[in-house]
Protein backbone atom coordinates (compact mmCIF):
# COMPACT_ATOMS: atom_id res chain seq x y z
CA UNK A 1 0.00 0.00 0.00
CA UNK A 2 2.89 2.33 0.78
CA UNK A 3 4.54 2.04 -2.65
CA UNK A 4 1.37 2.89 -4.65
CA UNK A 5 0.73 5.85 -2.34
CA UNK A 6 4.26 7.19 -2.88
CA UNK A 7 3.93 6.74 -6.63
CA UNK A 8 0.56 8.48 -6.66
CA UNK A 9 1.98 11.41 -4.65
CA UNK A 10 4.97 11.59 -6.98
CA UNK A 11 2.69 11.68 -10.06
CA UNK A 12 0.55 14.40 -8.50
CA UNK A 13 3.63 16.58 -7.93
CA UNK A 14 4.75 16.02 -11.54
CA UNK A 15 1.33 17.00 -12.85
CA UNK A 16 1.21 20.15 -10.68
CA UNK A 17 4.68 21.16 -11.79
CA UNK A 18 3.72 20.69 -15.46
CA UNK A 19 0.56 22.81 -15.25
CA UNK A 20 2.24 25.56 -13.23
CA UNK A 21 5.12 25.83 -15.70
CA UNK A 22 2.73 25.74 -18.65
CA UNK A 23 0.68 28.55 -17.16
CA UNK A 24 3.83 30.58 -16.57
CA UNK A 25 4.89 30.09 -20.18
CA UNK A 26 1.47 31.19 -21.48
CA UNK A 27 1.57 34.32 -19.31
CA UNK A 28 5.03 35.13 -20.63
CA UNK A 29 3.83 34.89 -24.22
CA UNK A 30 0.86 37.10 -23.47
CA UNK A 31 3.09 39.66 -21.80
CA UNK A 32 5.22 40.13 -24.91
CA UNK A 33 2.42 39.87 -27.48
CA UNK A 34 1.79 43.04 -29.52
CA UNK A 35 -0.92 45.25 -28.10
CA UNK A 36 -4.01 46.11 -30.11
CA UNK A 37 -3.80 49.42 -31.93
CA UNK A 38 -6.21 51.90 -30.29
CA UNK A 39 -8.19 54.15 -32.59
CA UNK A 40 -7.52 57.86 -31.95
CA UNK A 41 -10.12 59.63 -29.87
CA UNK A 42 -11.35 63.20 -29.80
CA UNK A 43 -12.74 63.06 -33.33
CA UNK A 44 -14.86 65.68 -35.02
CA UNK A 45 -16.95 65.70 -38.18
CA UNK A 46 -16.54 68.20 -41.00
CA UNK A 47 -19.10 68.03 -43.80
CA UNK A 48 -19.79 64.42 -42.79
CA UNK A 49 -16.15 63.28 -42.74
CA UNK A 50 -14.44 62.17 -39.53
CA UNK A 51 -11.42 64.34 -38.67
CA UNK A 52 -9.87 63.29 -35.31
CA UNK A 53 -8.55 66.33 -33.49
CA UNK A 54 -5.45 64.61 -32.10
CA UNK A 55 -3.95 63.94 -35.54
CA UNK A 56 -1.98 66.19 -37.88
CA UNK A 57 -2.93 66.45 -41.55
CA UNK A 58 -1.19 67.03 -44.86
CA UNK A 59 -2.98 68.75 -47.73
CA UNK A 60 -2.63 65.50 -49.70
CA UNK A 61 -5.13 63.89 -47.27
CA UNK A 62 -2.65 61.82 -45.31
CA UNK A 63 -2.37 62.04 -41.51
CA UNK A 64 0.27 61.41 -38.87
CA UNK A 65 0.38 60.95 -35.11
CA UNK A 66 3.42 60.91 -32.83
CA UNK A 67 3.86 57.43 -31.31
CA UNK A 68 6.92 58.28 -29.21
CA UNK A 69 9.99 60.47 -29.55
CA UNK A 70 11.31 60.21 -33.07
CA UNK A 71 8.56 57.91 -34.35
CA UNK A 72 5.24 58.67 -36.08
CA UNK A 73 2.43 56.62 -37.56
CA UNK A 74 0.91 57.55 -40.91
CA UNK A 75 -2.36 56.84 -42.70
CA UNK A 76 -4.89 58.18 -45.19
CA UNK A 77 -7.76 60.32 -43.89
CA UNK A 78 -11.42 59.38 -44.32
CA UNK A 79 -11.81 61.74 -47.26
CA UNK A 80 -9.16 59.81 -49.20
CA UNK A 81 -10.46 56.46 -47.95
CA UNK A 82 -14.02 57.25 -49.05
CA UNK A 83 -12.84 58.24 -52.53
CA UNK A 84 -10.64 55.14 -52.74
CA UNK A 85 -13.65 53.04 -51.78
CA UNK A 86 -13.46 49.37 -52.61
CA UNK A 87 -9.69 49.14 -53.05
CA UNK A 88 -8.45 45.76 -54.26
CA UNK A 89 -4.78 46.23 -53.41
CA UNK A 90 -2.56 48.57 -51.41
CA UNK A 91 1.15 48.94 -52.11
CA UNK A 92 3.43 50.27 -49.36
CA UNK A 93 7.17 50.99 -49.19
CA UNK A 94 9.34 48.34 -47.56
CA UNK A 95 10.88 48.84 -44.08
CA UNK A 96 14.19 50.66 -44.44
CA UNK A 97 12.92 52.86 -47.28
CA UNK A 98 13.49 56.59 -46.83
CA UNK A 99 10.31 58.58 -47.52
CA UNK A 100 10.33 62.33 -48.15
CA UNK A 101 7.56 64.74 -47.31
CA UNK A 102 5.29 65.24 -50.31
CA UNK A 103 6.65 62.08 -51.97
CA UNK A 104 4.19 59.48 -53.22
CA UNK A 105 4.55 56.66 -50.72
CA UNK A 106 1.57 54.39 -51.27
CA UNK A 107 -0.55 53.18 -54.16
CA UNK A 108 -4.19 52.14 -54.28
CA UNK A 109 -5.25 49.73 -57.04
CA UNK A 110 -8.86 49.43 -58.13
CA UNK A 111 -10.28 47.95 -61.34
CA UNK A 112 -6.84 48.11 -62.92
CA UNK A 113 -6.50 51.83 -62.13
CA UNK A 114 -3.83 53.17 -59.78
CA UNK A 115 -3.74 56.31 -57.67
CA UNK A 116 -1.24 57.50 -55.08
CA UNK A 117 -1.03 59.51 -51.86
CA UNK A 118 1.91 61.55 -50.62
CA UNK A 119 3.68 61.27 -47.26
CA UNK A 120 2.94 63.97 -44.67
CA UNK A 121 6.53 63.90 -43.36
CA UNK A 122 10.05 62.61 -43.90
CA UNK A 123 11.75 59.60 -42.36
CA UNK A 124 12.69 55.93 -42.58
CA UNK A 125 9.98 53.28 -42.78
CA UNK A 126 10.23 51.11 -39.67
CA UNK A 127 6.99 49.17 -39.95
CA UNK A 128 4.15 48.57 -42.38
CA UNK A 129 0.63 47.45 -41.57
CA UNK A 130 0.56 43.95 -43.04
CA UNK A 131 -3.02 43.52 -41.86
CA UNK A 132 -4.28 46.26 -44.17
CA UNK A 133 -2.28 44.74 -47.05
CA UNK A 134 -4.12 41.45 -46.54
CA UNK A 135 -7.46 43.18 -45.99
CA UNK A 136 -7.58 46.52 -47.88
CA UNK A 137 -11.16 47.10 -46.67
CA UNK A 138 -9.71 48.15 -43.31
CA UNK A 139 -8.61 51.39 -44.95
CA UNK A 140 -12.24 52.41 -45.42
CA UNK A 141 -13.66 50.75 -42.33
CA UNK A 142 -11.18 52.23 -39.86
CA UNK A 143 -8.79 54.72 -41.53
CA UNK A 144 -7.54 56.14 -38.22
CA UNK A 145 -7.23 52.84 -36.38
CA UNK A 146 -6.70 49.39 -37.87
CA UNK A 147 -6.40 50.94 -41.33
CA UNK A 148 -3.14 52.78 -40.53
CA UNK A 149 -0.43 52.33 -43.15
CA UNK A 150 3.20 52.80 -42.05
CA UNK A 151 5.38 53.92 -39.15
CA UNK A 152 8.39 56.17 -39.69
CA UNK A 153 11.51 57.00 -37.73
CA UNK A 154 11.78 60.78 -37.94
CA UNK A 155 15.29 61.95 -36.90
CA UNK A 156 14.32 65.63 -37.04
CA UNK A 157 10.90 65.96 -35.43
CA UNK A 158 10.57 69.55 -36.62
CA UNK A 159 9.95 68.07 -40.06
CA UNK A 160 6.76 66.50 -38.76
CA UNK A 161 5.04 69.89 -38.61
CA UNK A 162 6.54 71.47 -41.72
CA UNK A 163 3.95 72.00 -44.43
CA UNK A 164 1.17 70.38 -42.40
CA UNK A 165 -2.25 71.98 -42.02
CA UNK A 166 -2.27 74.28 -38.95
CA UNK A 167 -4.63 72.88 -36.31
CA UNK A 168 -6.87 75.94 -36.38
CA UNK A 169 -7.34 75.62 -40.14
CA UNK A 170 -8.09 71.87 -40.37
CA UNK A 171 -11.89 72.26 -40.32
CA UNK A 172 -11.88 74.92 -43.02
CA UNK A 173 -9.42 72.91 -45.12
CA UNK A 174 -11.65 69.83 -45.02
CA UNK A 175 -14.76 71.89 -45.72
CA UNK A 176 -13.12 73.36 -48.82
CA UNK A 177 -11.97 69.91 -49.94
CA UNK A 178 -15.54 68.57 -49.79
CA UNK A 179 -16.93 71.63 -51.59
CA UNK A 180 -14.29 71.21 -54.27
CA UNK A 181 -15.35 67.59 -54.68
CA UNK A 182 -18.97 68.65 -55.15
CA UNK A 183 -17.88 71.28 -57.66
CA UNK A 184 -16.01 68.76 -59.79
CA UNK A 185 -18.75 66.16 -59.63
CA UNK A 186 -22.13 67.36 -58.21
CA UNK A 187 -23.39 63.77 -58.08
CA UNK A 188 -20.89 63.16 -55.27
CA UNK A 189 -22.99 65.30 -52.93
CA UNK A 190 -25.68 62.61 -52.78
CA UNK A 191 -23.14 59.86 -52.25
CA UNK A 192 -21.46 61.70 -49.43
CA UNK A 193 -24.76 62.31 -47.69
CA UNK A 194 -25.99 58.75 -48.22
CA UNK A 195 -26.30 58.00 -44.51
CA UNK A 196 -27.44 61.02 -42.53
CA UNK A 197 -24.62 63.18 -43.84
CA UNK A 198 -21.92 60.51 -43.52
CA UNK A 199 -20.06 59.52 -46.70
CA UNK A 200 -21.10 56.32 -48.43
CA UNK A 201 -18.76 53.37 -47.97
CA UNK A 202 -17.80 53.50 -51.63
CA UNK A 203 -18.64 56.89 -53.13
CA UNK A 204 -17.67 55.97 -56.69
CA UNK A 205 -19.71 52.76 -56.74
CA UNK A 206 -22.95 54.67 -57.34
CA UNK A 207 -21.43 57.00 -59.95
CA UNK A 208 -19.99 54.71 -62.66
CA UNK A 209 -19.33 57.63 -65.06
CA UNK A 210 -17.02 59.34 -62.58
CA UNK A 211 -13.31 58.92 -63.24
CA UNK A 212 -11.41 57.69 -60.20
C-alpha atoms as a PDB file:
ATOM      1  CA  UNK A   1       0.000   0.000   0.000  1.00  0.00           C
ATOM      2  CA  UNK A   2       2.889   2.330   0.775  1.00  0.00           C
ATOM      3  CA  UNK A   3       4.541   2.039  -2.647  1.00  0.00           C
ATOM      4  CA  UNK A   4       1.368   2.893  -4.647  1.00  0.00           C
ATOM      5  CA  UNK A   5       0.731   5.852  -2.339  1.00  0.00           C
ATOM      6  CA  UNK A   6       4.261   7.187  -2.876  1.00  0.00           C
ATOM      7  CA  UNK A   7       3.931   6.737  -6.634  1.00  0.00           C
ATOM      8  CA  UNK A   8       0.562   8.481  -6.656  1.00  0.00           C
ATOM      9  CA  UNK A   9       1.978  11.406  -4.651  1.00  0.00           C
ATOM     10  CA  UNK A  10       4.966  11.588  -6.984  1.00  0.00           C
ATOM     11  CA  UNK A  11       2.695  11.681 -10.064  1.00  0.00           C
ATOM     12  CA  UNK A  12       0.547  14.403  -8.496  1.00  0.00           C
ATOM     13  CA  UNK A  13       3.631  16.581  -7.927  1.00  0.00           C
ATOM     14  CA  UNK A  14       4.755  16.020 -11.536  1.00  0.00           C
ATOM     15  CA  UNK A  15       1.325  17.003 -12.848  1.00  0.00           C
ATOM     16  CA  UNK A  16       1.212  20.145 -10.678  1.00  0.00           C
ATOM     17  CA  UNK A  17       4.684  21.159 -11.794  1.00  0.00           C
ATOM     18  CA  UNK A  18       3.718  20.691 -15.461  1.00  0.00           C
ATOM     19  CA  UNK A  19       0.562  22.815 -15.251  1.00  0.00           C
ATOM     20  CA  UNK A  20       2.239  25.565 -13.227  1.00  0.00           C
ATOM     21  CA  UNK A  21       5.121  25.834 -15.701  1.00  0.00           C
ATOM     22  CA  UNK A  22       2.732  25.737 -18.649  1.00  0.00           C
ATOM     23  CA  UNK A  23       0.682  28.547 -17.158  1.00  0.00           C
ATOM     24  CA  UNK A  24       3.831  30.579 -16.566  1.00  0.00           C
ATOM     25  CA  UNK A  25       4.887  30.089 -20.183  1.00  0.00           C
ATOM     26  CA  UNK A  26       1.475  31.195 -21.478  1.00  0.00           C
ATOM     27  CA  UNK A  27       1.569  34.316 -19.315  1.00  0.00           C
ATOM     28  CA  UNK A  28       5.032  35.134 -20.627  1.00  0.00           C
ATOM     29  CA  UNK A  29       3.832  34.890 -24.223  1.00  0.00           C
ATOM     30  CA  UNK A  30       0.860  37.104 -23.469  1.00  0.00           C
ATOM     31  CA  UNK A  31       3.095  39.657 -21.804  1.00  0.00           C
ATOM     32  CA  UNK A  32       5.223  40.130 -24.910  1.00  0.00           C
ATOM     33  CA  UNK A  33       2.425  39.868 -27.476  1.00  0.00           C
ATOM     34  CA  UNK A  34       1.787  43.036 -29.518  1.00  0.00           C
ATOM     35  CA  UNK A  35      -0.917  45.249 -28.103  1.00  0.00           C
ATOM     36  CA  UNK A  36      -4.007  46.105 -30.111  1.00  0.00           C
ATOM     37  CA  UNK A  37      -3.803  49.423 -31.928  1.00  0.00           C
ATOM     38  CA  UNK A  38      -6.207  51.895 -30.290  1.00  0.00           C
ATOM     39  CA  UNK A  39      -8.186  54.154 -32.587  1.00  0.00           C
ATOM     40  CA  UNK A  40      -7.518  57.862 -31.953  1.00  0.00           C
ATOM     41  CA  UNK A  41     -10.119  59.634 -29.866  1.00  0.00           C
ATOM     42  CA  UNK A  42     -11.351  63.204 -29.796  1.00  0.00           C
ATOM     43  CA  UNK A  43     -12.744  63.065 -33.331  1.00  0.00           C
ATOM     44  CA  UNK A  44     -14.861  65.681 -35.019  1.00  0.00           C
ATOM     45  CA  UNK A  45     -16.951  65.703 -38.182  1.00  0.00           C
ATOM     46  CA  UNK A  46     -16.542  68.197 -41.002  1.00  0.00           C
ATOM     47  CA  UNK A  47     -19.100  68.026 -43.800  1.00  0.00           C
ATOM     48  CA  UNK A  48     -19.787  64.424 -42.788  1.00  0.00           C
ATOM     49  CA  UNK A  49     -16.149  63.277 -42.740  1.00  0.00           C
ATOM     50  CA  UNK A  50     -14.436  62.171 -39.534  1.00  0.00           C
ATOM     51  CA  UNK A  51     -11.421  64.340 -38.665  1.00  0.00           C
ATOM     52  CA  UNK A  52      -9.871  63.289 -35.309  1.00  0.00           C
ATOM     53  CA  UNK A  53      -8.551  66.334 -33.489  1.00  0.00           C
ATOM     54  CA  UNK A  54      -5.453  64.611 -32.097  1.00  0.00           C
ATOM     55  CA  UNK A  55      -3.946  63.936 -35.542  1.00  0.00           C
ATOM     56  CA  UNK A  56      -1.980  66.195 -37.877  1.00  0.00           C
ATOM     57  CA  UNK A  57      -2.930  66.446 -41.553  1.00  0.00           C
ATOM     58  CA  UNK A  58      -1.193  67.026 -44.863  1.00  0.00           C
ATOM     59  CA  UNK A  59      -2.980  68.750 -47.732  1.00  0.00           C
ATOM     60  CA  UNK A  60      -2.632  65.496 -49.698  1.00  0.00           C
ATOM     61  CA  UNK A  61      -5.130  63.894 -47.268  1.00  0.00           C
ATOM     62  CA  UNK A  62      -2.649  61.821 -45.308  1.00  0.00           C
ATOM     63  CA  UNK A  63      -2.366  62.042 -41.505  1.00  0.00           C
ATOM     64  CA  UNK A  64       0.266  61.413 -38.867  1.00  0.00           C
ATOM     65  CA  UNK A  65       0.378  60.952 -35.113  1.00  0.00           C
ATOM     66  CA  UNK A  66       3.420  60.906 -32.829  1.00  0.00           C
ATOM     67  CA  UNK A  67       3.861  57.433 -31.309  1.00  0.00           C
ATOM     68  CA  UNK A  68       6.921  58.283 -29.211  1.00  0.00           C
ATOM     69  CA  UNK A  69       9.990  60.471 -29.545  1.00  0.00           C
ATOM     70  CA  UNK A  70      11.315  60.208 -33.075  1.00  0.00           C
ATOM     71  CA  UNK A  71       8.555  57.913 -34.354  1.00  0.00           C
ATOM     72  CA  UNK A  72       5.243  58.668 -36.084  1.00  0.00           C
ATOM     73  CA  UNK A  73       2.429  56.623 -37.561  1.00  0.00           C
ATOM     74  CA  UNK A  74       0.909  57.550 -40.915  1.00  0.00           C
ATOM     75  CA  UNK A  75      -2.358  56.844 -42.700  1.00  0.00           C
ATOM     76  CA  UNK A  76      -4.892  58.184 -45.189  1.00  0.00           C
ATOM     77  CA  UNK A  77      -7.760  60.321 -43.893  1.00  0.00           C
ATOM     78  CA  UNK A  78     -11.420  59.379 -44.319  1.00  0.00           C
ATOM     79  CA  UNK A  79     -11.812  61.740 -47.261  1.00  0.00           C
ATOM     80  CA  UNK A  80      -9.161  59.810 -49.201  1.00  0.00           C
ATOM     81  CA  UNK A  81     -10.457  56.457 -47.951  1.00  0.00           C
ATOM     82  CA  UNK A  82     -14.024  57.248 -49.050  1.00  0.00           C
ATOM     83  CA  UNK A  83     -12.839  58.236 -52.526  1.00  0.00           C
ATOM     84  CA  UNK A  84     -10.644  55.143 -52.742  1.00  0.00           C
ATOM     85  CA  UNK A  85     -13.653  53.044 -51.781  1.00  0.00           C
ATOM     86  CA  UNK A  86     -13.455  49.365 -52.614  1.00  0.00           C
ATOM     87  CA  UNK A  87      -9.686  49.141 -53.053  1.00  0.00           C
ATOM     88  CA  UNK A  88      -8.454  45.764 -54.257  1.00  0.00           C
ATOM     89  CA  UNK A  89      -4.781  46.228 -53.405  1.00  0.00           C
ATOM     90  CA  UNK A  90      -2.564  48.574 -51.405  1.00  0.00           C
ATOM     91  CA  UNK A  91       1.151  48.936 -52.114  1.00  0.00           C
ATOM     92  CA  UNK A  92       3.427  50.267 -49.362  1.00  0.00           C
ATOM     93  CA  UNK A  93       7.168  50.986 -49.194  1.00  0.00           C
ATOM     94  CA  UNK A  94       9.344  48.344 -47.555  1.00  0.00           C
ATOM     95  CA  UNK A  95      10.884  48.839 -44.082  1.00  0.00           C
ATOM     96  CA  UNK A  96      14.195  50.659 -44.445  1.00  0.00           C
ATOM     97  CA  UNK A  97      12.916  52.860 -47.283  1.00  0.00           C
ATOM     98  CA  UNK A  98      13.490  56.592 -46.830  1.00  0.00           C
ATOM     99  CA  UNK A  99      10.312  58.577 -47.519  1.00  0.00           C
ATOM    100  CA  UNK A 100      10.332  62.326 -48.148  1.00  0.00           C
ATOM    101  CA  UNK A 101       7.559  64.743 -47.310  1.00  0.00           C
ATOM    102  CA  UNK A 102       5.285  65.243 -50.307  1.00  0.00           C
ATOM    103  CA  UNK A 103       6.648  62.083 -51.966  1.00  0.00           C
ATOM    104  CA  UNK A 104       4.194  59.476 -53.222  1.00  0.00           C
ATOM    105  CA  UNK A 105       4.553  56.658 -50.721  1.00  0.00           C
ATOM    106  CA  UNK A 106       1.567  54.388 -51.266  1.00  0.00           C
ATOM    107  CA  UNK A 107      -0.550  53.179 -54.157  1.00  0.00           C
ATOM    108  CA  UNK A 108      -4.193  52.141 -54.285  1.00  0.00           C
ATOM    109  CA  UNK A 109      -5.246  49.732 -57.040  1.00  0.00           C
ATOM    110  CA  UNK A 110      -8.861  49.433 -58.130  1.00  0.00           C
ATOM    111  CA  UNK A 111     -10.278  47.951 -61.342  1.00  0.00           C
ATOM    112  CA  UNK A 112      -6.844  48.110 -62.922  1.00  0.00           C
ATOM    113  CA  UNK A 113      -6.497  51.834 -62.131  1.00  0.00           C
ATOM    114  CA  UNK A 114      -3.833  53.171 -59.779  1.00  0.00           C
ATOM    115  CA  UNK A 115      -3.740  56.306 -57.665  1.00  0.00           C
ATOM    116  CA  UNK A 116      -1.244  57.498 -55.078  1.00  0.00           C
ATOM    117  CA  UNK A 117      -1.033  59.510 -51.860  1.00  0.00           C
ATOM    118  CA  UNK A 118       1.910  61.550 -50.618  1.00  0.00           C
ATOM    119  CA  UNK A 119       3.680  61.269 -47.259  1.00  0.00           C
ATOM    120  CA  UNK A 120       2.941  63.975 -44.675  1.00  0.00           C
ATOM    121  CA  UNK A 121       6.528  63.900 -43.356  1.00  0.00           C
ATOM    122  CA  UNK A 122      10.052  62.612 -43.901  1.00  0.00           C
ATOM    123  CA  UNK A 123      11.752  59.596 -42.364  1.00  0.00           C
ATOM    124  CA  UNK A 124      12.687  55.931 -42.584  1.00  0.00           C
ATOM    125  CA  UNK A 125       9.982  53.284 -42.776  1.00  0.00           C
ATOM    126  CA  UNK A 126      10.227  51.109 -39.668  1.00  0.00           C
ATOM    127  CA  UNK A 127       6.987  49.166 -39.945  1.00  0.00           C
ATOM    128  CA  UNK A 128       4.146  48.573 -42.383  1.00  0.00           C
ATOM    129  CA  UNK A 129       0.629  47.451 -41.574  1.00  0.00           C
ATOM    130  CA  UNK A 130       0.561  43.947 -43.044  1.00  0.00           C
ATOM    131  CA  UNK A 131      -3.020  43.520 -41.860  1.00  0.00           C
ATOM    132  CA  UNK A 132      -4.279  46.256 -44.174  1.00  0.00           C
ATOM    133  CA  UNK A 133      -2.283  44.745 -47.047  1.00  0.00           C
ATOM    134  CA  UNK A 134      -4.116  41.452 -46.541  1.00  0.00           C
ATOM    135  CA  UNK A 135      -7.465  43.176 -45.990  1.00  0.00           C
ATOM    136  CA  UNK A 136      -7.582  46.518 -47.879  1.00  0.00           C
ATOM    137  CA  UNK A 137     -11.157  47.100 -46.670  1.00  0.00           C
ATOM    138  CA  UNK A 138      -9.715  48.149 -43.306  1.00  0.00           C
ATOM    139  CA  UNK A 139      -8.609  51.392 -44.947  1.00  0.00           C
ATOM    140  CA  UNK A 140     -12.242  52.406 -45.425  1.00  0.00           C
ATOM    141  CA  UNK A 141     -13.655  50.747 -42.326  1.00  0.00           C
ATOM    142  CA  UNK A 142     -11.179  52.233 -39.860  1.00  0.00           C
ATOM    143  CA  UNK A 143      -8.788  54.721 -41.532  1.00  0.00           C
ATOM    144  CA  UNK A 144      -7.540  56.137 -38.221  1.00  0.00           C
ATOM    145  CA  UNK A 145      -7.233  52.840 -36.379  1.00  0.00           C
ATOM    146  CA  UNK A 146      -6.696  49.391 -37.870  1.00  0.00           C
ATOM    147  CA  UNK A 147      -6.402  50.941 -41.328  1.00  0.00           C
ATOM    148  CA  UNK A 148      -3.143  52.777 -40.529  1.00  0.00           C
ATOM    149  CA  UNK A 149      -0.432  52.326 -43.154  1.00  0.00           C
ATOM    150  CA  UNK A 150       3.204  52.795 -42.054  1.00  0.00           C
ATOM    151  CA  UNK A 151       5.384  53.920 -39.152  1.00  0.00           C
ATOM    152  CA  UNK A 152       8.394  56.172 -39.689  1.00  0.00           C
ATOM    153  CA  UNK A 153      11.514  56.996 -37.734  1.00  0.00           C
ATOM    154  CA  UNK A 154      11.779  60.778 -37.943  1.00  0.00           C
ATOM    155  CA  UNK A 155      15.286  61.946 -36.904  1.00  0.00           C
ATOM    156  CA  UNK A 156      14.315  65.632 -37.036  1.00  0.00           C
ATOM    157  CA  UNK A 157      10.899  65.960 -35.434  1.00  0.00           C
ATOM    158  CA  UNK A 158      10.567  69.546 -36.618  1.00  0.00           C
ATOM    159  CA  UNK A 159       9.954  68.075 -40.056  1.00  0.00           C
ATOM    160  CA  UNK A 160       6.756  66.496 -38.761  1.00  0.00           C
ATOM    161  CA  UNK A 161       5.044  69.885 -38.609  1.00  0.00           C
ATOM    162  CA  UNK A 162       6.545  71.470 -41.716  1.00  0.00           C
ATOM    163  CA  UNK A 163       3.950  72.001 -44.432  1.00  0.00           C
ATOM    164  CA  UNK A 164       1.173  70.384 -42.399  1.00  0.00           C
ATOM    165  CA  UNK A 165      -2.249  71.981 -42.017  1.00  0.00           C
ATOM    166  CA  UNK A 166      -2.265  74.278 -38.947  1.00  0.00           C
ATOM    167  CA  UNK A 167      -4.630  72.879 -36.308  1.00  0.00           C
ATOM    168  CA  UNK A 168      -6.874  75.942 -36.379  1.00  0.00           C
ATOM    169  CA  UNK A 169      -7.338  75.616 -40.143  1.00  0.00           C
ATOM    170  CA  UNK A 170      -8.092  71.867 -40.367  1.00  0.00           C
ATOM    171  CA  UNK A 171     -11.885  72.257 -40.320  1.00  0.00           C
ATOM    172  CA  UNK A 172     -11.880  74.924 -43.019  1.00  0.00           C
ATOM    173  CA  UNK A 173      -9.417  72.913 -45.119  1.00  0.00           C
ATOM    174  CA  UNK A 174     -11.645  69.831 -45.015  1.00  0.00           C
ATOM    175  CA  UNK A 175     -14.758  71.891 -45.725  1.00  0.00           C
ATOM    176  CA  UNK A 176     -13.121  73.365 -48.823  1.00  0.00           C
ATOM    177  CA  UNK A 177     -11.970  69.911 -49.936  1.00  0.00           C
ATOM    178  CA  UNK A 178     -15.535  68.575 -49.793  1.00  0.00           C
ATOM    179  CA  UNK A 179     -16.927  71.625 -51.591  1.00  0.00           C
ATOM    180  CA  UNK A 180     -14.291  71.212 -54.275  1.00  0.00           C
ATOM    181  CA  UNK A 181     -15.349  67.588 -54.681  1.00  0.00           C
ATOM    182  CA  UNK A 182     -18.971  68.654 -55.151  1.00  0.00           C
ATOM    183  CA  UNK A 183     -17.882  71.280 -57.665  1.00  0.00           C
ATOM    184  CA  UNK A 184     -16.012  68.764 -59.789  1.00  0.00           C
ATOM    185  CA  UNK A 185     -18.754  66.158 -59.633  1.00  0.00           C
ATOM    186  CA  UNK A 186     -22.133  67.362 -58.215  1.00  0.00           C
ATOM    187  CA  UNK A 187     -23.390  63.773 -58.079  1.00  0.00           C
ATOM    188  CA  UNK A 188     -20.895  63.160 -55.269  1.00  0.00           C
ATOM    189  CA  UNK A 189     -22.993  65.300 -52.931  1.00  0.00           C
ATOM    190  CA  UNK A 190     -25.683  62.613 -52.779  1.00  0.00           C
ATOM    191  CA  UNK A 191     -23.139  59.859 -52.255  1.00  0.00           C
ATOM    192  CA  UNK A 192     -21.460  61.704 -49.427  1.00  0.00           C
ATOM    193  CA  UNK A 193     -24.764  62.312 -47.694  1.00  0.00           C
ATOM    194  CA  UNK A 194     -25.989  58.748 -48.224  1.00  0.00           C
ATOM    195  CA  UNK A 195     -26.297  58.003 -44.509  1.00  0.00           C
ATOM    196  CA  UNK A 196     -27.437  61.019 -42.534  1.00  0.00           C
ATOM    197  CA  UNK A 197     -24.622  63.179 -43.837  1.00  0.00           C
ATOM    198  CA  UNK A 198     -21.915  60.513 -43.521  1.00  0.00           C
ATOM    199  CA  UNK A 199     -20.061  59.516 -46.696  1.00  0.00           C
ATOM    200  CA  UNK A 200     -21.103  56.322 -48.430  1.00  0.00           C
ATOM    201  CA  UNK A 201     -18.756  53.375 -47.969  1.00  0.00           C
ATOM    202  CA  UNK A 202     -17.795  53.503 -51.632  1.00  0.00           C
ATOM    203  CA  UNK A 203     -18.644  56.886 -53.134  1.00  0.00           C
ATOM    204  CA  UNK A 204     -17.674  55.968 -56.691  1.00  0.00           C
ATOM    205  CA  UNK A 205     -19.710  52.759 -56.744  1.00  0.00           C
ATOM    206  CA  UNK A 206     -22.947  54.674 -57.344  1.00  0.00           C
ATOM    207  CA  UNK A 207     -21.428  56.999 -59.953  1.00  0.00           C
ATOM    208  CA  UNK A 208     -19.987  54.714 -62.660  1.00  0.00           C
ATOM    209  CA  UNK A 209     -19.335  57.625 -65.056  1.00  0.00           C
ATOM    210  CA  UNK A 210     -17.017  59.345 -62.577  1.00  0.00           C
ATOM    211  CA  UNK A 211     -13.310  58.918 -63.237  1.00  0.00           C
ATOM    212  CA  UNK A 212     -11.408  57.694 -60.199  1.00  0.00           C
END
